[in-house]
Amino acid sequence: MTALAINLESLRNRVDYQGGMLGFICAVVTILLVVGQQQTYAPIQARLAEDRQAILAQVLPQSYFDNDPLHNATEIVDTSLSSSPVQVYTATKNGKASAFVFQVETEGYGGTITLMLALTPEGEIVGLRTLSHKETPGLADKIETDKSDWILGFNGLSLSNTAREKWAVKKDGGQFDQFTGATITPRAVVKGVVGGLEFYARQSGKLLQNAKAGDEQS
């Protein structure tokens, strides 16, 4: 064995050499991860923005706004609705607030149902869509607009024009149809919508004030 080989073998057995090699490998991996993240971040963010824009178009007609609601968001802390801050997107028309859009979560039969709700400043439902759910296919997925128009029945309703006892499925004495063999899902959606309407009733003053302040600054 040559002197060089002996020296290398001796180095490999030293703790500081092993630690240095480990640190070097970690540094290389970190650099690769950072480079990969930088290359994929922009495309991912662009795709997310497109998805949010597509969803917004479903709950809020273009005639309601002339701004970009996705770039006009207010973060509201309201533990009665969610343990996490709620992002509320403000739509404006001719400088005045015309609608507020936000997500609501409710528990269905298969798990969490996420809804997107758009309301007028008066608290009337402009649009409602299901963003995600794990309900039984073919039985409880009628909360999707491509399976049924059931969810469109909420349009135009508010806490002021619909009596509180009517916010329930017909089986519970309310006005909303339940699905055959799947009452839990529509019941959960109705509960989620009521929670969203009550959230807006609590926070409307702050949201309208923020919208007015933004209009005065523009």
C-alpha atoms as a PDB file:
ATOM      1  CA  MET A   1       0.000   0.000   0.000  1.00  0.00           C
ATOM      2  CA  THR A   2       1.388   3.376  -0.996  1.00  0.00           C
ATOM      3  CA  ALA A   3       1.906   6.265   1.417  1.00  0.00           C
ATOM      4  CA  LEU A   4      -0.926   8.190  -0.302  1.00  0.00           C
ATOM      5  CA  ALA A   5      -3.349   5.299   0.130  1.00  0.00           C
ATOM      6  CA  ILE A   6      -2.354   4.948   3.787  1.00  0.00           C
ATOM      7  CA  ASN A   7      -2.933   8.657   4.376  1.00  0.00           C
ATOM      8  CA  LEU A   8      -6.371   8.504   2.702  1.00  0.00           C
ATOM      9  CA  GLU A   9      -7.338   5.500   4.773  1.00  0.00           C
ATOM     10  CA  SER A  10      -6.221   7.329   7.891  1.00  0.00           C
ATOM     11  CA  LEU A  11      -8.305  10.375   6.946  1.00  0.00           C
ATOM     12  CA  ARG A  12     -11.431   8.277   6.361  1.00  0.00           C
ATOM     13  CA  ASN A  13     -11.235   6.995   9.912  1.00  0.00           C
ATOM     14  CA  ARG A  14     -11.040  10.452  11.432  1.00  0.00           C
ATOM     15  CA  VAL A  15     -14.234  11.907  12.889  1.00  0.00           C
ATOM     16  CA  ASP A  16     -13.557  15.379  11.537  1.00  0.00           C
ATOM     17  CA  TYR A  17     -13.107  13.989   8.020  1.00  0.00           C
ATOM     18  CA  GLN A  18     -16.386  12.084   8.213  1.00  0.00           C
ATOM     19  CA  GLY A  19     -18.144  15.162   9.585  1.00  0.00           C
ATOM     20  CA  GLY A  20     -16.688  17.317   6.833  1.00  0.00           C
ATOM     21  CA  MET A  21     -17.821  14.922   4.137  1.00  0.00           C
ATOM     22  CA  LEU A  22     -21.316  14.781   5.642  1.00  0.00           C
ATOM     23  CA  GLY A  23     -21.452  18.561   5.731  1.00  0.00           C
ATOM     24  CA  PHE A  24     -20.299  18.779   2.115  1.00  0.00           C
ATOM     25  CA  ILE A  25     -22.967  16.317   0.976  1.00  0.00           C
ATOM     26  CA  CYS A  26     -25.659  18.213   2.903  1.00  0.00           C
ATOM     27  CA  ALA A  27     -24.527  21.485   1.327  1.00  0.00           C
ATOM     28  CA  VAL A  28     -24.729  20.001  -2.175  1.00  0.00           C
ATOM     29  CA  VAL A  29     -28.214  18.587  -1.515  1.00  0.00           C
ATOM     30  CA  THR A  30     -29.370  21.941  -0.100  1.00  0.00           C
ATOM     31  CA  ILE A  31     -28.089  23.801  -3.151  1.00  0.00           C
ATOM     32  CA  LEU A  32     -29.858  21.365  -5.471  1.00  0.00           C
ATOM     33  CA  LEU A  33     -33.118  21.739  -3.538  1.00  0.00           C
ATOM     34  CA  VAL A  34     -32.925  25.541  -3.608  1.00  0.00           C
ATOM     35  CA  VAL A  35     -32.235  25.563  -7.342  1.00  0.00           C
ATOM     36  CA  GLY A  36     -35.092  23.134  -7.955  1.00  0.00           C
ATOM     37  CA  GLN A  37     -37.467  25.217  -5.849  1.00  0.00           C
ATOM     38  CA  GLN A  38     -36.525  28.400  -7.689  1.00  0.00           C
ATOM     39  CA  GLN A  39     -37.180  26.730 -11.041  1.00  0.00           C
ATOM     40  CA  THR A  40     -40.597  25.332 -10.050  1.00  0.00           C
ATOM     41  CA  TYR A  41     -41.932  28.098  -7.780  1.00  0.00           C
ATOM     42  CA  ALA A  42     -43.071  30.470 -10.509  1.00  0.00           C
ATOM     43  CA  PRO A  43     -44.935  27.820 -12.591  1.00  0.00           C
ATOM     44  CA  ILE A  44     -46.643  26.455  -9.463  1.00  0.00           C
ATOM     45  CA  GLN A  45     -47.746  29.910  -8.326  1.00  0.00           C
ATOM     46  CA  ALA A  46     -49.027  30.696 -11.819  1.00  0.00           C
ATOM     47  CA  ARG A  47     -51.064  27.492 -11.859  1.00  0.00           C
ATOM     48  CA  LEU A  48     -52.519  28.214  -8.412  1.00  0.00           C
ATOM     49  CA  ALA A  49     -53.487  31.714  -9.529  1.00  0.00           C
ATOM     50  CA  GLU A  50     -55.213  30.257 -12.596  1.00  0.00           C
ATOM     51  CA  ASP A  51     -57.124  27.782 -10.437  1.00  0.00           C
ATOM     52  CA  ARG A  52     -58.246  30.516  -8.026  1.00  0.00           C
ATOM     53  CA  GLN A  53     -59.308  32.713 -10.950  1.00  0.00           C
ATOM     54  CA  ALA A  54     -61.340  29.865 -12.460  1.00  0.00           C
ATOM     55  CA  ILE A  55     -63.077  29.215  -9.154  1.00  0.00           C
ATOM     56  CA  LEU A  56     -63.777  32.913  -8.656  1.00  0.00           C
ATOM     57  CA  ALA A  57     -65.398  33.065 -12.089  1.00  0.00           C
ATOM     58  CA  GLN A  58     -67.808  30.307 -11.049  1.00  0.00           C
ATOM     59  CA  VAL A  59     -69.111  32.063  -7.918  1.00  0.00           C
ATOM     60  CA  LEU A  60     -68.902  35.670  -9.053  1.00  0.00           C
ATOM     61  CA  PRO A  61     -70.015  36.886 -12.498  1.00  0.00           C
ATOM     62  CA  GLN A  62     -67.661  39.311 -14.233  1.00  0.00           C
ATOM     63  CA  SER A  63     -70.405  41.927 -14.245  1.00  0.00           C
ATOM     64  CA  TYR A  64     -69.969  42.280 -10.479  1.00  0.00           C
ATOM     65  CA  PHE A  65     -66.450  43.676 -10.515  1.00  0.00           C
ATOM     66  CA  ASP A  66     -63.859  45.643 -12.448  1.00  0.00           C
ATOM     67  CA  ASN A  67     -60.899  44.994 -10.138  1.00  0.00           C
ATOM     68  CA  ASP A  68     -58.889  41.848  -9.438  1.00  0.00           C
ATOM     69  CA  PRO A  69     -60.435  40.451  -6.228  1.00  0.00           C
ATOM     70  CA  LEU A  70     -57.600  37.955  -5.790  1.00  0.00           C
ATOM     71  CA  HIS A  71     -55.224  40.880  -5.258  1.00  0.00           C
ATOM     72  CA  ASN A  72     -57.570  42.585  -2.811  1.00  0.00           C
ATOM     73  CA  ALA A  73     -57.676  40.290   0.187  1.00  0.00           C
ATOM     74  CA  THR A  74     -58.390  40.906   3.853  1.00  0.00           C
ATOM     75  CA  GLU A  75     -57.301  38.431   6.521  1.00  0.00           C
ATOM     76  CA  ILE A  76     -59.931  37.993   9.221  1.00  0.00           C
ATOM     77  CA  VAL A  77     -59.418  36.111  12.482  1.00  0.00           C
ATOM     78  CA  ASP A  78     -62.732  34.560  13.517  1.00  0.00           C
ATOM     79  CA  THR A  79     -62.423  31.389  15.582  1.00  0.00           C
ATOM     80  CA  SER A  80     -66.172  30.788  15.374  1.00  0.00           C
ATOM     81  CA  LEU A  81     -65.715  29.976  11.686  1.00  0.00           C
ATOM     82  CA  SER A  82     -62.148  28.671  11.495  1.00  0.00           C
ATOM     83  CA  SER A  83     -59.087  28.066  13.637  1.00  0.00           C
ATOM     84  CA  SER A  84     -57.029  29.643  10.846  1.00  0.00           C
ATOM     85  CA  PRO A  85     -57.317  33.225   9.550  1.00  0.00           C
ATOM     86  CA  VAL A  86     -59.912  33.561   6.781  1.00  0.00           C
ATOM     87  CA  GLN A  87     -58.870  35.168   3.495  1.00  0.00           C
ATOM     88  CA  VAL A  88     -61.728  37.327   2.218  1.00  0.00           C
ATOM     89  CA  TYR A  89     -61.424  38.609  -1.356  1.00  0.00           C
ATOM     90  CA  THR A  90     -63.121  41.933  -2.034  1.00  0.00           C
ATOM     91  CA  ALA A  91     -64.704  42.606  -5.429  1.00  0.00           C
ATOM     92  CA  THR A  92     -65.318  46.231  -6.369  1.00  0.00           C
ATOM     93  CA  LYS A  93     -67.243  47.945  -9.152  1.00  0.00           C
ATOM     94  CA  ASN A  94     -66.624  51.600  -9.941  1.00  0.00           C
ATOM     95  CA  GLY A  95     -64.608  51.871  -6.733  1.00  0.00           C
ATOM     96  CA  LYS A  96     -67.338  50.468  -4.462  1.00  0.00           C
ATOM     97  CA  ALA A  97     -67.449  47.078  -2.756  1.00  0.00           C
ATOM     98  CA  SER A  98     -69.755  44.790  -4.749  1.00  0.00           C
ATOM     99  CA  ALA A  99     -69.070  41.342  -3.276  1.00  0.00           C
ATOM    100  CA  PHE A 100     -66.973  39.395  -0.788  1.00  0.00           C
ATOM    101  CA  VAL A 101     -65.638  35.917  -1.511  1.00  0.00           C
ATOM    102  CA  PHE A 102     -64.223  33.414   0.967  1.00  0.00           C
ATOM    103  CA  GLN A 103     -63.905  29.710   1.738  1.00  0.00           C
ATOM    104  CA  VAL A 104     -65.924  27.758   4.280  1.00  0.00           C
ATOM    105  CA  GLU A 105     -65.242  24.265   5.587  1.00  0.00           C
ATOM    106  CA  THR A 106     -67.870  21.885   6.926  1.00  0.00           C
ATOM    107  CA  GLU A 107     -67.778  18.220   7.910  1.00  0.00           C
ATOM    108  CA  GLY A 108     -69.678  15.821   5.662  1.00  0.00           C
ATOM    109  CA  TYR A 109     -70.069  12.053   5.700  1.00  0.00           C
ATOM    110  CA  GLY A 110     -66.665  11.320   4.151  1.00  0.00           C
ATOM    111  CA  GLY A 111     -64.688  14.205   5.637  1.00  0.00           C
ATOM    112  CA  THR A 112     -64.190  17.909   5.121  1.00  0.00           C
ATOM    113  CA  ILE A 113     -66.210  19.685   2.446  1.00  0.00           C
ATOM    114  CA  THR A 114     -64.652  22.947   1.280  1.00  0.00           C
ATOM    115  CA  LEU A 115     -66.981  25.552  -0.194  1.00  0.00           C
ATOM    116  CA  MET A 116     -66.415  28.892  -1.907  1.00  0.00           C
ATOM    117  CA  LEU A 117     -69.020  31.497  -1.069  1.00  0.00           C
ATOM    118  CA  ALA A 118     -69.631  34.897  -2.696  1.00  0.00           C
ATOM    119  CA  LEU A 119     -71.873  37.445  -0.973  1.00  0.00           C
ATOM    120  CA  THR A 120     -73.130  40.918  -1.766  1.00  0.00           C
ATOM    121  CA  PRO A 121     -72.386  43.689   0.776  1.00  0.00           C
ATOM    122  CA  GLU A 122     -75.927  43.085   2.058  1.00  0.00           C
ATOM    123  CA  GLY A 123     -75.091  39.444   2.788  1.00  0.00           C
ATOM    124  CA  GLU A 124     -77.007  37.875  -0.114  1.00  0.00           C
ATOM    125  CA  ILE A 125     -75.512  34.811  -1.799  1.00  0.00           C
ATOM    126  CA  VAL A 126     -74.245  35.532  -5.303  1.00  0.00           C
ATOM    127  CA  GLY A 127     -72.649  32.148  -5.853  1.00  0.00           C
ATOM    128  CA  LEU A 128     -71.703  28.946  -4.048  1.00  0.00           C
ATOM    129  CA  ARG A 129     -69.463  26.128  -5.268  1.00  0.00           C
ATOM    130  CA  THR A 130     -67.877  23.005  -3.841  1.00  0.00           C
ATOM    131  CA  LEU A 131     -64.089  23.178  -4.054  1.00  0.00           C
ATOM    132  CA  SER A 132     -63.307  19.749  -2.629  1.00  0.00           C
ATOM    133  CA  HIS A 133     -64.975  16.868  -0.832  1.00  0.00           C
ATOM    134  CA  LYS A 134     -64.715  13.140  -0.105  1.00  0.00           C
ATOM    135  CA  GLU A 135     -68.403  12.287  -0.254  1.00  0.00           C
ATOM    136  CA  THR A 136     -69.675   9.059  -1.789  1.00  0.00           C
ATOM    137  CA  PRO A 137     -69.519   9.154  -5.620  1.00  0.00           C
ATOM    138  CA  GLY A 138     -72.846   8.659  -7.330  1.00  0.00           C
ATOM    139  CA  LEU A 139     -74.748   9.213  -4.109  1.00  0.00           C
ATOM    140  CA  ALA A 140     -73.629  12.361  -2.329  1.00  0.00           C
ATOM    141  CA  ASP A 141     -71.613  14.107  -5.039  1.00  0.00           C
ATOM    142  CA  LYS A 142     -74.647  16.075  -6.184  1.00  0.00           C
ATOM    143  CA  ILE A 143     -73.056  19.029  -4.421  1.00  0.00           C
ATOM    144  CA  GLU A 144     -70.941  19.383  -7.588  1.00  0.00           C
ATOM    145  CA  THR A 145     -72.465  21.508 -10.360  1.00  0.00           C
ATOM    146  CA  ASP A 146     -71.500  18.998 -13.052  1.00  0.00           C
ATOM    147  CA  LYS A 147     -73.592  16.346 -11.248  1.00  0.00           C
ATOM    148  CA  SER A 148     -76.578  18.428 -10.158  1.00  0.00           C
ATOM    149  CA  ASP A 149     -77.863  22.017  -9.965  1.00  0.00           C
ATOM    150  CA  TRP A 150     -78.781  21.535  -6.287  1.00  0.00           C
ATOM    151  CA  ILE A 151     -76.175  23.958  -4.999  1.00  0.00           C
ATOM    152  CA  LEU A 152     -77.508  26.731  -7.266  1.00  0.00           C
ATOM    153  CA  GLY A 153     -80.603  26.827  -5.067  1.00  0.00           C
ATOM    154  CA  PHE A 154     -78.708  28.954  -2.541  1.00  0.00           C
ATOM    155  CA  ASN A 155     -78.328  31.882  -4.942  1.00  0.00           C
ATOM    156  CA  GLY A 156     -80.194  34.981  -3.799  1.00  0.00           C
ATOM    157  CA  LEU A 157     -80.694  33.762  -0.237  1.00  0.00           C
ATOM    158  CA  SER A 158     -79.540  35.557   2.899  1.00  0.00           C
ATOM    159  CA  LEU A 159     -80.145  35.472   6.635  1.00  0.00           C
ATOM    160  CA  SER A 160     -82.502  38.435   6.268  1.00  0.00           C
ATOM    161  CA  ASN A 161     -84.732  37.041   3.497  1.00  0.00           C
ATOM    162  CA  THR A 162     -84.841  33.423   4.672  1.00  0.00           C
ATOM    163  CA  ALA A 163     -86.140  32.459   8.117  1.00  0.00           C
ATOM    164  CA  ARG A 164     -83.592  30.705  10.332  1.00  0.00           C
ATOM    165  CA  GLU A 165     -85.685  27.524  10.594  1.00  0.00           C
ATOM    166  CA  LYS A 166     -85.708  27.235   6.797  1.00  0.00           C
ATOM    167  CA  TRP A 167     -81.920  26.807   6.733  1.00  0.00           C
ATOM    168  CA  ALA A 168     -82.132  23.020   6.917  1.00  0.00           C
ATOM    169  CA  VAL A 169     -82.937  20.071   4.674  1.00  0.00           C
ATOM    170  CA  LYS A 170     -86.613  19.209   4.281  1.00  0.00           C
ATOM    171  CA  LYS A 171     -86.191  16.136   6.467  1.00  0.00           C
ATOM    172  CA  ASP A 172     -85.325  18.520   9.311  1.00  0.00           C
ATOM    173  CA  GLY A 173     -88.132  20.951   8.525  1.00  0.00           C
ATOM    174  CA  GLY A 174     -86.143  23.244   6.228  1.00  0.00           C
ATOM    175  CA  GLN A 175     -86.454  24.161   2.563  1.00  0.00           C
ATOM    176  CA  PHE A 176     -83.505  22.343   0.986  1.00  0.00           C
ATOM    177  CA  ASP A 177     -83.846  18.970  -0.726  1.00  0.00           C
ATOM    178  CA  GLN A 178     -81.855  16.085   0.675  1.00  0.00           C
ATOM    179  CA  PHE A 179     -80.315  13.393  -1.520  1.00  0.00           C
ATOM    180  CA  THR A 180     -81.808   9.915  -1.567  1.00  0.00           C
ATOM    181  CA  GLY A 181     -79.732   7.832   0.821  1.00  0.00           C
ATOM    182  CA  ALA A 182     -77.378  10.718   1.574  1.00  0.00           C
ATOM    183  CA  THR A 183     -78.910  13.266   3.918  1.00  0.00           C
ATOM    184  CA  ILE A 184     -75.698  13.988   5.829  1.00  0.00           C
ATOM    185  CA  THR A 185     -73.974  15.673   2.878  1.00  0.00           C
ATOM    186  CA  PRO A 186     -76.610  18.325   2.023  1.00  0.00           C
ATOM    187  CA  ARG A 187     -77.184  18.873   5.728  1.00  0.00           C
ATOM    188  CA  ALA A 188     -73.469  19.613   6.117  1.00  0.00           C
ATOM    189  CA  VAL A 189     -73.465  22.023   3.178  1.00  0.00           C
ATOM    190  CA  VAL A 190     -76.428  23.950   4.574  1.00  0.00           C
ATOM    191  CA  LYS A 191     -74.668  24.139   7.950  1.00  0.00           C
ATOM    192  CA  GLY A 192     -71.494  25.386   6.262  1.00  0.00           C
ATOM    193  CA  VAL A 193     -73.360  28.066   4.330  1.00  0.00           C
ATOM    194  CA  VAL A 194     -75.117  29.288   7.477  1.00  0.00           C
ATOM    195  CA  GLY A 195     -71.733  29.432   9.191  1.00  0.00           C
ATOM    196  CA  GLY A 196     -70.395  31.539   6.333  1.00  0.00           C
ATOM    197  CA  LEU A 197     -73.371  33.896   6.423  1.00  0.00           C
ATOM    198  CA  GLU A 198     -73.053  34.315  10.179  1.00  0.00           C
ATOM    199  CA  PHE A 199     -69.321  34.966   9.786  1.00  0.00           C
ATOM    200  CA  TYR A 200     -70.084  37.738   7.306  1.00  0.00           C
ATOM    201  CA  ALA A 201     -72.737  39.204   9.609  1.00  0.00           C
ATOM    202  CA  ARG A 202     -70.108  39.450  12.365  1.00  0.00           C
ATOM    203  CA  GLN A 203     -67.346  40.816  10.151  1.00  0.00           C
ATOM    204  CA  SER A 204     -69.208  42.871   7.540  1.00  0.00           C
ATOM    205  CA  GLY A 205     -68.501  46.160   9.301  1.00  0.00           C
ATOM    206  CA  LYS A 206     -64.750  45.558   9.228  1.00  0.00           C
ATOM    207  CA  LEU A 207     -64.806  44.322   5.629  1.00  0.00           C
ATOM    208  CA  LEU A 208     -66.845  47.257   4.385  1.00  0.00           C
ATOM    209  CA  GLN A 209     -64.630  49.696   6.289  1.00  0.00           C
ATOM    210  CA  ASN A 210     -61.498  48.144   4.764  1.00  0.00           C
ATOM    211  CA  ALA A 211     -63.057  48.312   1.304  1.00  0.00           C
ATOM    212  CA  LYS A 212     -63.956  51.974   1.803  1.00  0.00           C
ATOM    213  CA  ALA A 213     -60.459  52.779   3.066  1.00  0.00           C
ATOM    214  CA  GLY A 214     -58.964  51.099   0.019  1.00  0.00           C
ATOM    215  CA  ASP A 215     -61.234  53.113  -2.263  1.00  0.00           C
ATOM    216  CA  GLU A 216     -60.199  56.402  -0.611  1.00  0.00           C
ATOM    217  CA  GLN A 217     -56.511  55.553  -1.028  1.00  0.00           C
ATOM    218  CA  SER A 218     -56.829  54.628  -4.706  1.00  0.00           C
END
